[in-house]
Amino acid sequence: MPAPPQALSPNARVHWAKRYKAARDYKEECGWTLKALRGSVRCPPLPLDKNGPVRARVIFYVYARRRRDDDNATAMLKPVWDAMVEVGWLTDDSHEHLTVGPPRFVVRPSQPARVVVVLGGAK
């Protein structure tokens, strides 16, 4: 996925309309990315079952080495989960059905910033 825009950060001081537009545009961009991957990645919808929530790991590939806040990075990803539900990769993104682990940050100065989401089965 592309990196989320800074306007989605809980610490961003932006007008609500700008934040809304950034979330809408990012969700749409993630949705198109997921639809493009559908043919090359085998990912049936992860079902909700009695074994527990679907687990997700998130890796942020960033170009600068600096301290980052895990909670803010995770909060910026709500449009990603919504896009995954919309295109059918997840059946639900509520906290009862999706558990997101702490994000990992990998510094790659020569590459553009991006986000990789790894979905696993239920616990």
PDB file of N, CA and C in Angstrom:
ATOM      1  N   MET A   1       0.845  -1.172   0.000  1.00  0.00           N
ATOM      2  CA  MET A   1       0.000   0.000   0.000  1.00  0.00           C
ATOM      3  C   MET A   1       0.889   1.234   0.000  1.00  0.00           C
ATOM      4  N   PRO A   2       0.373   2.313  -0.523  1.00  0.00           N
ATOM      5  CA  PRO A   2       1.111   3.570  -0.388  1.00  0.00           C
ATOM      6  C   PRO A   2       1.104   4.017   1.075  1.00  0.00           C
ATOM      7  N   ALA A   3       2.020   4.875   1.426  1.00  0.00           N
ATOM      8  CA  ALA A   3       2.070   5.403   2.789  1.00  0.00           C
ATOM      9  C   ALA A   3       0.870   6.315   3.026  1.00  0.00           C
ATOM     10  N   PRO A   4       0.329   6.317   4.236  1.00  0.00           N
ATOM     11  CA  PRO A   4      -0.807   7.197   4.519  1.00  0.00           C
ATOM     12  C   PRO A   4      -0.378   8.661   4.517  1.00  0.00           C
ATOM     13  N   PRO A   5      -1.273   9.558   4.108  1.00  0.00           N
ATOM     14  CA  PRO A   5      -0.931  10.982   4.117  1.00  0.00           C
ATOM     15  C   PRO A   5      -0.817  11.510   5.546  1.00  0.00           C
ATOM     16  N   GLN A   6      -0.004  12.522   5.728  1.00  0.00           N
ATOM     17  CA  GLN A   6       0.214  13.107   7.051  1.00  0.00           C
ATOM     18  C   GLN A   6      -1.077  13.676   7.649  1.00  0.00           C
ATOM     19  N   ALA A   7      -2.020  14.066   6.819  1.00  0.00           N
ATOM     20  CA  ALA A   7      -3.275  14.628   7.325  1.00  0.00           C
ATOM     21  C   ALA A   7      -4.061  13.618   8.151  1.00  0.00           C
ATOM     22  N   LEU A   8      -3.758  12.324   8.032  1.00  0.00           N
ATOM     23  CA  LEU A   8      -4.464  11.297   8.796  1.00  0.00           C
ATOM     24  C   LEU A   8      -3.868  11.065  10.176  1.00  0.00           C
ATOM     25  N   SER A   9      -2.745  11.665  10.464  1.00  0.00           N
ATOM     26  CA  SER A   9      -2.125  11.520  11.777  1.00  0.00           C
ATOM     27  C   SER A   9      -2.994  12.180  12.838  1.00  0.00           C
ATOM     28  N   PRO A  10      -3.198  11.513  13.978  1.00  0.00           N
ATOM     29  CA  PRO A  10      -3.959  12.153  15.053  1.00  0.00           C
ATOM     30  C   PRO A  10      -3.319  13.458  15.536  1.00  0.00           C
ATOM     31  N   ASN A  11      -2.031  13.624  15.316  1.00  0.00           N
ATOM     32  CA  ASN A  11      -1.347  14.847  15.732  1.00  0.00           C
ATOM     33  C   ASN A  11      -1.387  15.944  14.682  1.00  0.00           C
ATOM     34  N   ALA A  12      -1.911  15.659  13.506  1.00  0.00           N
ATOM     35  CA  ALA A  12      -1.964  16.666  12.448  1.00  0.00           C
ATOM     36  C   ALA A  12      -3.000  17.724  12.813  1.00  0.00           C
ATOM     37  N   ARG A  13      -2.636  18.942  12.624  1.00  0.00           N
ATOM     38  CA  ARG A  13      -3.557  20.047  12.913  1.00  0.00           C
ATOM     39  C   ARG A  13      -4.140  20.530  11.592  1.00  0.00           C
ATOM     40  N   VAL A  14      -5.110  19.772  11.108  1.00  0.00           N
ATOM     41  CA  VAL A  14      -5.728  20.105   9.832  1.00  0.00           C
ATOM     42  C   VAL A  14      -7.239  20.253  10.026  1.00  0.00           C
ATOM     43  N   HIS A  15      -7.848  20.975   9.132  1.00  0.00           N
ATOM     44  CA  HIS A  15      -9.301  21.160   9.145  1.00  0.00           C
ATOM     45  C   HIS A  15      -9.972  19.802   8.934  1.00  0.00           C
ATOM     46  N   TRP A  16     -11.142  19.611   9.544  1.00  0.00           N
ATOM     47  CA  TRP A  16     -11.820  18.321   9.446  1.00  0.00           C
ATOM     48  C   TRP A  16     -12.110  17.946   7.996  1.00  0.00           C
ATOM     49  N   ALA A  17     -12.405  18.916   7.143  1.00  0.00           N
ATOM     50  CA  ALA A  17     -12.720  18.621   5.751  1.00  0.00           C
ATOM     51  C   ALA A  17     -11.493  18.099   5.002  1.00  0.00           C
ATOM     52  N   LYS A  18     -10.337  18.647   5.317  1.00  0.00           N
ATOM     53  CA  LYS A  18      -9.104  18.176   4.689  1.00  0.00           C
ATOM     54  C   LYS A  18      -8.776  16.748   5.159  1.00  0.00           C
ATOM     55  N   ARG A  19      -8.991  16.473   6.450  1.00  0.00           N
ATOM     56  CA  ARG A  19      -8.753  15.125   6.979  1.00  0.00           C
ATOM     57  C   ARG A  19      -9.722  14.122   6.339  1.00  0.00           C
ATOM     58  N   TYR A  20     -10.987  14.516   6.199  1.00  0.00           N
ATOM     59  CA  TYR A  20     -11.992  13.654   5.583  1.00  0.00           C
ATOM     60  C   TYR A  20     -11.615  13.321   4.139  1.00  0.00           C
ATOM     61  N   LYS A  21     -11.210  14.347   3.378  1.00  0.00           N
ATOM     62  CA  LYS A  21     -10.821  14.137   1.983  1.00  0.00           C
ATOM     63  C   LYS A  21      -9.583  13.253   1.889  1.00  0.00           C
ATOM     64  N   ALA A  22      -8.628  13.449   2.787  1.00  0.00           N
ATOM     65  CA  ALA A  22      -7.416  12.627   2.788  1.00  0.00           C
ATOM     66  C   ALA A  22      -7.766  11.165   3.082  1.00  0.00           C
ATOM     67  N   ALA A  23      -8.656  10.923   4.039  1.00  0.00           N
ATOM     68  CA  ALA A  23      -9.067   9.552   4.373  1.00  0.00           C
ATOM     69  C   ALA A  23      -9.815   8.916   3.211  1.00  0.00           C
ATOM     70  N   ARG A  24     -10.717   9.666   2.602  1.00  0.00           N
ATOM     71  CA  ARG A  24     -11.488   9.140   1.467  1.00  0.00           C
ATOM     72  C   ARG A  24     -10.573   8.790   0.291  1.00  0.00           C
ATOM     73  N   ASP A  25      -9.660   9.701  -0.033  1.00  0.00           N
ATOM     74  CA  ASP A  25      -8.744   9.461  -1.153  1.00  0.00           C
ATOM     75  C   ASP A  25      -7.792   8.303  -0.870  1.00  0.00           C
ATOM     76  N   TYR A  26      -7.309   8.205   0.370  1.00  0.00           N
ATOM     77  CA  TYR A  26      -6.393   7.119   0.732  1.00  0.00           C
ATOM     78  C   TYR A  26      -7.110   5.763   0.691  1.00  0.00           C
ATOM     79  N   LYS A  27      -8.350   5.726   1.170  1.00  0.00           N
ATOM     80  CA  LYS A  27      -9.134   4.489   1.114  1.00  0.00           C
ATOM     81  C   LYS A  27      -9.334   4.046  -0.334  1.00  0.00           C
ATOM     82  N   GLU A  28      -9.648   5.004  -1.202  1.00  0.00           N
ATOM     83  CA  GLU A  28      -9.847   4.677  -2.613  1.00  0.00           C
ATOM     84  C   GLU A  28      -8.551   4.166  -3.250  1.00  0.00           C
ATOM     85  N   GLU A  29      -7.442   4.824  -2.942  1.00  0.00           N
ATOM     86  CA  GLU A  29      -6.150   4.398  -3.482  1.00  0.00           C
ATOM     87  C   GLU A  29      -5.783   2.992  -2.998  1.00  0.00           C
ATOM     88  N   CYS A  30      -6.033   2.709  -1.719  1.00  0.00           N
ATOM     89  CA  CYS A  30      -5.767   1.374  -1.185  1.00  0.00           C
ATOM     90  C   CYS A  30      -6.690   0.338  -1.815  1.00  0.00           C
ATOM     91  N   GLY A  31      -7.935   0.707  -2.031  1.00  0.00           N
ATOM     92  CA  GLY A  31      -8.877  -0.204  -2.678  1.00  0.00           C
ATOM     93  C   GLY A  31      -8.421  -0.593  -4.075  1.00  0.00           C
ATOM     94  N   TRP A  32      -7.959   0.389  -4.850  1.00  0.00           N
ATOM     95  CA  TRP A  32      -7.465   0.084  -6.195  1.00  0.00           C
ATOM     96  C   TRP A  32      -6.201  -0.774  -6.131  1.00  0.00           C
ATOM     97  N   THR A  33      -5.353  -0.526  -5.151  1.00  0.00           N
ATOM     98  CA  THR A  33      -4.145  -1.343  -4.987  1.00  0.00           C
ATOM     99  C   THR A  33      -4.524  -2.788  -4.684  1.00  0.00           C
ATOM    100  N   LEU A  34      -5.494  -2.981  -3.790  1.00  0.00           N
ATOM    101  CA  LEU A  34      -5.937  -4.332  -3.442  1.00  0.00           C
ATOM    102  C   LEU A  34      -6.585  -5.035  -4.626  1.00  0.00           C
ATOM    103  N   LYS A  35      -7.376  -4.305  -5.404  1.00  0.00           N
ATOM    104  CA  LYS A  35      -8.014  -4.910  -6.577  1.00  0.00           C
ATOM    105  C   LYS A  35      -6.969  -5.317  -7.611  1.00  0.00           C
ATOM    106  N   ALA A  36      -5.914  -4.531  -7.740  1.00  0.00           N
ATOM    107  CA  ALA A  36      -4.846  -4.872  -8.680  1.00  0.00           C
ATOM    108  C   ALA A  36      -4.080  -6.109  -8.216  1.00  0.00           C
ATOM    109  N   LEU A  37      -3.966  -6.292  -6.904  1.00  0.00           N
ATOM    110  CA  LEU A  37      -3.252  -7.449  -6.360  1.00  0.00           C
ATOM    111  C   LEU A  37      -4.084  -8.722  -6.396  1.00  0.00           C
ATOM    112  N   ARG A  38      -5.382  -8.579  -6.534  1.00  0.00           N
ATOM    113  CA  ARG A  38      -6.270  -9.746  -6.459  1.00  0.00           C
ATOM    114  C   ARG A  38      -5.861 -10.856  -7.422  1.00  0.00           C
ATOM    115  N   GLY A  39      -5.418 -10.499  -8.626  1.00  0.00           N
ATOM    116  CA  GLY A  39      -5.035 -11.512  -9.597  1.00  0.00           C
ATOM    117  C   GLY A  39      -3.702 -12.175  -9.300  1.00  0.00           C
ATOM    118  N   SER A  40      -2.807 -11.467  -8.573  1.00  0.00           N
ATOM    119  CA  SER A  40      -1.467 -12.015  -8.348  1.00  0.00           C
ATOM    120  C   SER A  40      -1.271 -12.584  -6.950  1.00  0.00           C
ATOM    121  N   VAL A  41      -2.155 -12.263  -6.013  1.00  0.00           N
ATOM    122  CA  VAL A  41      -2.029 -12.744  -4.643  1.00  0.00           C
ATOM    123  C   VAL A  41      -3.249 -13.578  -4.310  1.00  0.00           C
ATOM    124  N   ARG A  42      -3.024 -14.765  -3.798  1.00  0.00           N
ATOM    125  CA  ARG A  42      -4.144 -15.625  -3.415  1.00  0.00           C
ATOM    126  C   ARG A  42      -4.587 -15.231  -2.009  1.00  0.00           C
ATOM    127  N   CYS A  43      -5.684 -14.550  -1.916  1.00  0.00           N
ATOM    128  CA  CYS A  43      -6.179 -14.100  -0.617  1.00  0.00           C
ATOM    129  C   CYS A  43      -7.695 -14.179  -0.585  1.00  0.00           C
ATOM    130  N   PRO A  44      -8.228 -15.328  -0.192  1.00  0.00           N
ATOM    131  CA  PRO A  44      -9.682 -15.382  -0.030  1.00  0.00           C
ATOM    132  C   PRO A  44     -10.070 -14.551   1.186  1.00  0.00           C
ATOM    133  N   PRO A  45     -11.322 -14.153   1.311  1.00  0.00           N
ATOM    134  CA  PRO A  45     -11.733 -13.396   2.483  1.00  0.00           C
ATOM    135  C   PRO A  45     -11.427 -14.181   3.757  1.00  0.00           C
ATOM    136  N   LEU A  46     -10.816 -13.520   4.701  1.00  0.00           N
ATOM    137  CA  LEU A  46     -10.521 -14.191   5.968  1.00  0.00           C
ATOM    138  C   LEU A  46     -11.806 -14.216   6.783  1.00  0.00           C
ATOM    139  N   PRO A  47     -12.301 -15.392   7.100  1.00  0.00           N
ATOM    140  CA  PRO A  47     -13.611 -15.493   7.744  1.00  0.00           C
ATOM    141  C   PRO A  47     -13.562 -15.141   9.218  1.00  0.00           C
ATOM    142  N   LEU A  48     -14.711 -14.761   9.712  1.00  0.00           N
ATOM    143  CA  LEU A  48     -14.872 -14.584  11.147  1.00  0.00           C
ATOM    144  C   LEU A  48     -15.247 -15.951  11.691  1.00  0.00           C
ATOM    145  N   ASP A  49     -14.500 -16.414  12.657  1.00  0.00           N
ATOM    146  CA  ASP A  49     -14.857 -17.723  13.199  1.00  0.00           C
ATOM    147  C   ASP A  49     -14.738 -17.721  14.710  1.00  0.00           C
ATOM    148  N   LYS A  50     -15.071 -18.816  15.305  1.00  0.00           N
ATOM    149  CA  LYS A  50     -15.102 -18.892  16.759  1.00  0.00           C
ATOM    150  C   LYS A  50     -13.717 -19.007  17.382  1.00  0.00           C
ATOM    151  N   ASN A  51     -12.676 -19.154  16.555  1.00  0.00           N
ATOM    152  CA  ASN A  51     -11.323 -19.274  17.082  1.00  0.00           C
ATOM    153  C   ASN A  51     -10.710 -17.940  17.495  1.00  0.00           C
ATOM    154  N   GLY A  52     -11.326 -16.851  17.152  1.00  0.00           N
ATOM    155  CA  GLY A  52     -10.810 -15.551  17.554  1.00  0.00           C
ATOM    156  C   GLY A  52     -10.619 -14.623  16.373  1.00  0.00           C
ATOM    157  N   PRO A  53     -10.066 -13.447  16.641  1.00  0.00           N
ATOM    158  CA  PRO A  53      -9.930 -12.440  15.586  1.00  0.00           C
ATOM    159  C   PRO A  53      -8.807 -12.755  14.600  1.00  0.00           C
ATOM    160  N   VAL A  54      -8.919 -12.181  13.420  1.00  0.00           N
ATOM    161  CA  VAL A  54      -7.870 -12.256  12.413  1.00  0.00           C
ATOM    162  C   VAL A  54      -6.720 -11.378  12.902  1.00  0.00           C
ATOM    163  N   ARG A  55      -5.510 -11.861  12.757  1.00  0.00           N
ATOM    164  CA  ARG A  55      -4.341 -11.099  13.194  1.00  0.00           C
ATOM    165  C   ARG A  55      -3.715 -10.376  12.008  1.00  0.00           C
ATOM    166  N   ALA A  56      -3.281  -9.153  12.240  1.00  0.00           N
ATOM    167  CA  ALA A  56      -2.618  -8.370  11.200  1.00  0.00           C
ATOM    168  C   ALA A  56      -1.315  -7.798  11.745  1.00  0.00           C
ATOM    169  N   ARG A  57      -0.298  -7.831  10.902  1.00  0.00           N
ATOM    170  CA  ARG A  57       0.974  -7.174  11.209  1.00  0.00           C
ATOM    171  C   ARG A  57       1.175  -6.095  10.167  1.00  0.00           C
ATOM    172  N   VAL A  58       1.719  -4.973  10.590  1.00  0.00           N
ATOM    173  CA  VAL A  58       1.920  -3.854   9.686  1.00  0.00           C
ATOM    174  C   VAL A  58       3.396  -3.462   9.695  1.00  0.00           C
ATOM    175  N   ILE A  59       3.946  -3.323   8.498  1.00  0.00           N
ATOM    176  CA  ILE A  59       5.334  -2.899   8.350  1.00  0.00           C
ATOM    177  C   ILE A  59       5.331  -1.591   7.569  1.00  0.00           C
ATOM    178  N   PHE A  60       5.874  -0.553   8.159  1.00  0.00           N
ATOM    179  CA  PHE A  60       6.021   0.742   7.502  1.00  0.00           C
ATOM    180  C   PHE A  60       7.434   0.826   6.941  1.00  0.00           C
ATOM    181  N   TYR A  61       7.551   0.969   5.642  1.00  0.00           N
ATOM    182  CA  TYR A  61       8.844   1.222   5.020  1.00  0.00           C
ATOM    183  C   TYR A  61       8.974   2.731   4.895  1.00  0.00           C
ATOM    184  N   VAL A  62       9.929   3.295   5.602  1.00  0.00           N
ATOM    185  CA  VAL A  62      10.106   4.740   5.659  1.00  0.00           C
ATOM    186  C   VAL A  62      11.480   5.101   5.110  1.00  0.00           C
ATOM    187  N   TYR A  63      11.646   6.355   4.727  1.00  0.00           N
ATOM    188  CA  TYR A  63      12.906   6.771   4.116  1.00  0.00           C
ATOM    189  C   TYR A  63      13.799   7.552   5.080  1.00  0.00           C
ATOM    190  N   ALA A  64      13.332   7.885   6.273  1.00  0.00           N
ATOM    191  CA  ALA A  64      14.137   8.649   7.221  1.00  0.00           C
ATOM    192  C   ALA A  64      14.168   7.935   8.570  1.00  0.00           C
ATOM    193  N   ARG A  65      15.324   7.963   9.179  1.00  0.00           N
ATOM    194  CA  ARG A  65      15.478   7.347  10.502  1.00  0.00           C
ATOM    195  C   ARG A  65      15.118   8.403  11.550  1.00  0.00           C
ATOM    196  N   ARG A  66      13.979   8.217  12.178  1.00  0.00           N
ATOM    197  CA  ARG A  66      13.583   9.093  13.280  1.00  0.00           C
ATOM    198  C   ARG A  66      12.613   8.335  14.165  1.00  0.00           C
ATOM    199  N   ARG A  67      12.374   8.858  15.314  1.00  0.00           N
ATOM    200  CA  ARG A  67      11.488   8.209  16.267  1.00  0.00           C
ATOM    201  C   ARG A  67      10.040   8.348  15.798  1.00  0.00           C
ATOM    202  N   ARG A  68       9.281   7.261  15.867  1.00  0.00           N
ATOM    203  CA  ARG A  68       7.886   7.281  15.446  1.00  0.00           C
ATOM    204  C   ARG A  68       6.995   6.715  16.545  1.00  0.00           C
ATOM    205  N   ASP A  69       5.774   7.188  16.580  1.00  0.00           N
ATOM    206  CA  ASP A  69       4.810   6.769  17.589  1.00  0.00           C
ATOM    207  C   ASP A  69       3.951   5.644  17.026  1.00  0.00           C
ATOM    208  N   ASP A  70       3.996   4.489  17.665  1.00  0.00           N
ATOM    209  CA  ASP A  70       3.237   3.329  17.199  1.00  0.00           C
ATOM    210  C   ASP A  70       1.731   3.599  17.145  1.00  0.00           C
ATOM    211  N   ASP A  71       1.194   4.252  18.164  1.00  0.00           N
ATOM    212  CA  ASP A  71      -0.248   4.494  18.216  1.00  0.00           C
ATOM    213  C   ASP A  71      -0.714   5.406  17.081  1.00  0.00           C
ATOM    214  N   ASN A  72       0.047   6.444  16.800  1.00  0.00           N
ATOM    215  CA  ASN A  72      -0.330   7.344  15.712  1.00  0.00           C
ATOM    216  C   ASN A  72      -0.244   6.645  14.359  1.00  0.00           C
ATOM    217  N   ALA A  73       0.794   5.838  14.174  1.00  0.00           N
ATOM    218  CA  ALA A  73       0.935   5.114  12.909  1.00  0.00           C
ATOM    219  C   ALA A  73      -0.224   4.144  12.706  1.00  0.00           C
ATOM    220  N   THR A  74      -0.626   3.457  13.760  1.00  0.00           N
ATOM    221  CA  THR A  74      -1.738   2.513  13.670  1.00  0.00           C
ATOM    222  C   THR A  74      -3.051   3.243  13.394  1.00  0.00           C
ATOM    223  N   ALA A  75      -3.248   4.398  14.007  1.00  0.00           N
ATOM    224  CA  ALA A  75      -4.492   5.159  13.809  1.00  0.00           C
ATOM    225  C   ALA A  75      -4.643   5.648  12.382  1.00  0.00           C
ATOM    226  N   MET A  76      -3.536   5.865  11.693  1.00  0.00           N
ATOM    227  CA  MET A  76      -3.586   6.360  10.317  1.00  0.00           C
ATOM    228  C   MET A  76      -4.073   5.293   9.338  1.00  0.00           C
ATOM    229  N   LEU A  77      -4.173   4.038   9.788  1.00  0.00           N
ATOM    230  CA  LEU A  77      -4.486   2.934   8.884  1.00  0.00           C
ATOM    231  C   LEU A  77      -5.963   2.563   8.811  1.00  0.00           C
ATOM    232  N   LYS A  78      -6.844   3.302   9.443  1.00  0.00           N
ATOM    233  CA  LYS A  78      -8.275   2.982   9.386  1.00  0.00           C
ATOM    234  C   LYS A  78      -8.792   2.887   7.948  1.00  0.00           C
ATOM    235  N   PRO A  79      -8.392   3.782   7.035  1.00  0.00           N
ATOM    236  CA  PRO A  79      -8.852   3.628   5.648  1.00  0.00           C
ATOM    237  C   PRO A  79      -8.369   2.326   4.990  1.00  0.00           C
ATOM    238  N   VAL A  80      -7.235   1.797   5.420  1.00  0.00           N
ATOM    239  CA  VAL A  80      -6.739   0.533   4.868  1.00  0.00           C
ATOM    240  C   VAL A  80      -7.686  -0.599   5.244  1.00  0.00           C
ATOM    241  N   TRP A  81      -8.066  -0.656   6.519  1.00  0.00           N
ATOM    242  CA  TRP A  81      -8.970  -1.736   6.968  1.00  0.00           C
ATOM    243  C   TRP A  81     -10.328  -1.602   6.282  1.00  0.00           C
ATOM    244  N   ASP A  82     -10.806  -0.379   6.142  1.00  0.00           N
ATOM    245  CA  ASP A  82     -12.084  -0.166   5.451  1.00  0.00           C
ATOM    246  C   ASP A  82     -12.007  -0.625   3.993  1.00  0.00           C
ATOM    247  N   ALA A  83     -10.890  -0.343   3.333  1.00  0.00           N
ATOM    248  CA  ALA A  83     -10.722  -0.774   1.941  1.00  0.00           C
ATOM    249  C   ALA A  83     -10.674  -2.295   1.851  1.00  0.00           C
ATOM    250  N   MET A  84     -10.013  -2.944   2.810  1.00  0.00           N
ATOM    251  CA  MET A  84      -9.938  -4.414   2.794  1.00  0.00           C
ATOM    252  C   MET A  84     -11.311  -5.043   2.972  1.00  0.00           C
ATOM    253  N   VAL A  85     -12.152  -4.435   3.777  1.00  0.00           N
ATOM    254  CA  VAL A  85     -13.517  -4.941   3.942  1.00  0.00           C
ATOM    255  C   VAL A  85     -14.309  -4.699   2.662  1.00  0.00           C
ATOM    256  N   GLU A  86     -14.149  -3.524   2.091  1.00  0.00           N
ATOM    257  CA  GLU A  86     -14.916  -3.162   0.895  1.00  0.00           C
ATOM    258  C   GLU A  86     -14.599  -4.055  -0.302  1.00  0.00           C
ATOM    259  N   VAL A  87     -13.322  -4.433  -0.471  1.00  0.00           N
ATOM    260  CA  VAL A  87     -12.972  -5.284  -1.613  1.00  0.00           C
ATOM    261  C   VAL A  87     -13.098  -6.775  -1.289  1.00  0.00           C
ATOM    262  N   GLY A  88     -13.409  -7.108  -0.036  1.00  0.00           N
ATOM    263  CA  GLY A  88     -13.676  -8.499   0.311  1.00  0.00           C
ATOM    264  C   GLY A  88     -12.508  -9.276   0.874  1.00  0.00           C
ATOM    265  N   TRP A  89     -11.430  -8.630   1.260  1.00  0.00           N
ATOM    266  CA  TRP A  89     -10.297  -9.356   1.847  1.00  0.00           C
ATOM    267  C   TRP A  89     -10.533  -9.655   3.320  1.00  0.00           C
ATOM    268  N   LEU A  90     -11.334  -8.832   3.978  1.00  0.00           N
ATOM    269  CA  LEU A  90     -11.754  -9.071   5.359  1.00  0.00           C
ATOM    270  C   LEU A  90     -13.271  -9.044   5.383  1.00  0.00           C
ATOM    271  N   THR A  91     -13.854  -9.810   6.288  1.00  0.00           N
ATOM    272  CA  THR A  91     -15.304  -9.778   6.393  1.00  0.00           C
ATOM    273  C   THR A  91     -15.773  -8.714   7.376  1.00  0.00           C
ATOM    274  N   ASP A  92     -14.898  -8.305   8.302  1.00  0.00           N
ATOM    275  CA  ASP A  92     -15.236  -7.257   9.264  1.00  0.00           C
ATOM    276  C   ASP A  92     -13.944  -6.691   9.828  1.00  0.00           C
ATOM    277  N   ASP A  93     -13.939  -5.401  10.158  1.00  0.00           N
ATOM    278  CA  ASP A  93     -12.725  -4.790  10.702  1.00  0.00           C
ATOM    279  C   ASP A  93     -12.900  -4.276  12.124  1.00  0.00           C
ATOM    280  N   SER A  94     -13.955  -4.713  12.804  1.00  0.00           N
ATOM    281  CA  SER A  94     -14.149  -4.281  14.186  1.00  0.00           C
ATOM    282  C   SER A  94     -13.093  -4.923  15.077  1.00  0.00           C
ATOM    283  N   HIS A  95     -12.878  -4.331  16.250  1.00  0.00           N
ATOM    284  CA  HIS A  95     -11.826  -4.822  17.143  1.00  0.00           C
ATOM    285  C   HIS A  95     -12.083  -6.245  17.638  1.00  0.00           C
ATOM    286  N   GLU A  96     -13.307  -6.697  17.582  1.00  0.00           N
ATOM    287  CA  GLU A  96     -13.609  -8.064  17.997  1.00  0.00           C
ATOM    288  C   GLU A  96     -13.151  -9.083  16.955  1.00  0.00           C
ATOM    289  N   HIS A  97     -12.990  -8.639  15.715  1.00  0.00           N
ATOM    290  CA  HIS A  97     -12.685  -9.545  14.621  1.00  0.00           C
ATOM    291  C   HIS A  97     -11.329  -9.311  13.975  1.00  0.00           C
ATOM    292  N   LEU A  98     -10.666  -8.208  14.322  1.00  0.00           N
ATOM    293  CA  LEU A  98      -9.365  -7.888  13.744  1.00  0.00           C
ATOM    294  C   LEU A  98      -8.443  -7.383  14.842  1.00  0.00           C
ATOM    295  N   THR A  99      -7.323  -8.053  15.011  1.00  0.00           N
ATOM    296  CA  THR A  99      -6.318  -7.637  15.984  1.00  0.00           C
ATOM    297  C   THR A  99      -5.090  -7.181  15.228  1.00  0.00           C
ATOM    298  N   VAL A 100      -4.686  -5.943  15.467  1.00  0.00           N
ATOM    299  CA  VAL A 100      -3.529  -5.376  14.784  1.00  0.00           C
ATOM    300  C   VAL A 100      -2.380  -5.300  15.788  1.00  0.00           C
ATOM    301  N   GLY A 101      -1.285  -5.978  15.465  1.00  0.00           N
ATOM    302  CA  GLY A 101      -0.113  -5.939  16.324  1.00  0.00           C
ATOM    303  C   GLY A 101       0.620  -4.617  16.220  1.00  0.00           C
ATOM    304  N   PRO A 102       1.612  -4.419  17.061  1.00  0.00           N
ATOM    305  CA  PRO A 102       2.373  -3.168  16.984  1.00  0.00           C
ATOM    306  C   PRO A 102       3.091  -3.065  15.640  1.00  0.00           C
ATOM    307  N   PRO A 103       3.116  -1.874  15.073  1.00  0.00           N
ATOM    308  CA  PRO A 103       3.760  -1.728  13.766  1.00  0.00           C
ATOM    309  C   PRO A 103       5.275  -1.843  13.862  1.00  0.00           C
ATOM    310  N   ARG A 104       5.865  -2.214  12.757  1.00  0.00           N
ATOM    311  CA  ARG A 104       7.317  -2.285  12.652  1.00  0.00           C
ATOM    312  C   ARG A 104       7.748  -1.259  11.621  1.00  0.00           C
ATOM    313  N   PHE A 105       8.859  -0.584  11.876  1.00  0.00           N
ATOM    314  CA  PHE A 105       9.363   0.440  10.966  1.00  0.00           C
ATOM    315  C   PHE A 105      10.693  -0.023  10.392  1.00  0.00           C
ATOM    316  N   VAL A 106      10.787  -0.008   9.070  1.00  0.00           N
ATOM    317  CA  VAL A 106      12.014  -0.396   8.371  1.00  0.00           C
ATOM    318  C   VAL A 106      12.469   0.804   7.556  1.00  0.00           C
ATOM    319  N   VAL A 107      13.731   1.205   7.767  1.00  0.00           N
ATOM    320  CA  VAL A 107      14.266   2.367   7.065  1.00  0.00           C
ATOM    321  C   VAL A 107      14.873   1.919   5.746  1.00  0.00           C
ATOM    322  N   ARG A 108      14.363   2.488   4.662  1.00  0.00           N
ATOM    323  CA  ARG A 108      14.881   2.243   3.314  1.00  0.00           C
ATOM    324  C   ARG A 108      14.968   3.580   2.599  1.00  0.00           C
ATOM    325  N   PRO A 109      16.094   4.291   2.749  1.00  0.00           N
ATOM    326  CA  PRO A 109      16.192   5.647   2.200  1.00  0.00           C
ATOM    327  C   PRO A 109      16.054   5.722   0.690  1.00  0.00           C
ATOM    328  N   SER A 110      16.382   4.677  -0.019  1.00  0.00           N
ATOM    329  CA  SER A 110      16.356   4.745  -1.480  1.00  0.00           C
ATOM    330  C   SER A 110      14.996   4.387  -2.081  1.00  0.00           C
ATOM    331  N   GLN A 111      14.029   3.995  -1.267  1.00  0.00           N
ATOM    332  CA  GLN A 111      12.720   3.600  -1.773  1.00  0.00           C
ATOM    333  C   GLN A 111      11.646   4.541  -1.258  1.00  0.00           C
ATOM    334  N   PRO A 112      10.547   4.660  -1.985  1.00  0.00           N
ATOM    335  CA  PRO A 112       9.448   5.502  -1.488  1.00  0.00           C
ATOM    336  C   PRO A 112       8.786   4.858  -0.262  1.00  0.00           C
ATOM    337  N   ALA A 113       8.191   5.693   0.567  1.00  0.00           N
ATOM    338  CA  ALA A 113       7.506   5.201   1.755  1.00  0.00           C
ATOM    339  C   ALA A 113       6.290   4.375   1.332  1.00  0.00           C
ATOM    340  N   ARG A 114       6.053   3.296   2.061  1.00  0.00           N
ATOM    341  CA  ARG A 114       4.900   2.448   1.778  1.00  0.00           C
ATOM    342  C   ARG A 114       4.548   1.644   3.017  1.00  0.00           C
ATOM    343  N   VAL A 115       3.432   0.957   2.963  1.00  0.00           N
ATOM    344  CA  VAL A 115       2.950   0.145   4.069  1.00  0.00           C
ATOM    345  C   VAL A 115       2.685  -1.258   3.550  1.00  0.00           C
ATOM    346  N   VAL A 116       3.137  -2.253   4.298  1.00  0.00           N
ATOM    347  CA  VAL A 116       2.858  -3.646   3.962  1.00  0.00           C
ATOM    348  C   VAL A 116       2.020  -4.228   5.097  1.00  0.00           C
ATOM    349  N   VAL A 117       0.903  -4.832   4.724  1.00  0.00           N
ATOM    350  CA  VAL A 117       0.007  -5.453   5.709  1.00  0.00           C
ATOM    351  C   VAL A 117       0.067  -6.948   5.509  1.00  0.00           C
ATOM    352  N   VAL A 118       0.342  -7.680   6.582  1.00  0.00           N
ATOM    353  CA  VAL A 118       0.399  -9.140   6.551  1.00  0.00           C
ATOM    354  C   VAL A 118      -0.756  -9.650   7.383  1.00  0.00           C
ATOM    355  N   LEU A 119      -1.690 -10.331   6.728  1.00  0.00           N
ATOM    356  CA  LEU A 119      -2.854 -10.878   7.418  1.00  0.00           C
ATOM    357  C   LEU A 119      -2.621 -12.342   7.709  1.00  0.00           C
ATOM    358  N   GLY A 120      -3.005 -12.738   8.915  1.00  0.00           N
ATOM    359  CA  GLY A 120      -2.910 -14.143   9.305  1.00  0.00           C
ATOM    360  C   GLY A 120      -4.261 -14.644   9.737  1.00  0.00           C
ATOM    361  N   GLY A 121      -4.353 -15.931   9.921  1.00  0.00           N
ATOM    362  CA  GLY A 121      -5.618 -16.522  10.355  1.00  0.00           C
ATOM    363  C   GLY A 121      -5.910 -16.197  11.799  1.00  0.00           C
ATOM    364  N   ALA A 122      -6.972 -16.759  12.289  1.00  0.00           N
ATOM    365  CA  ALA A 122      -7.360 -16.541  13.666  1.00  0.00           C
ATOM    366  C   ALA A 122      -6.356 -17.198  14.598  1.00  0.00           C
ATOM    367  N   LYS A 123      -6.349 -16.746  15.834  1.00  0.00           N
ATOM    368  CA  LYS A 123      -5.413 -17.280  16.831  1.00  0.00           C
ATOM    369  C   LYS A 123      -5.667 -18.740  17.084  1.00  0.00           C
TER     370      LYS A 123
END
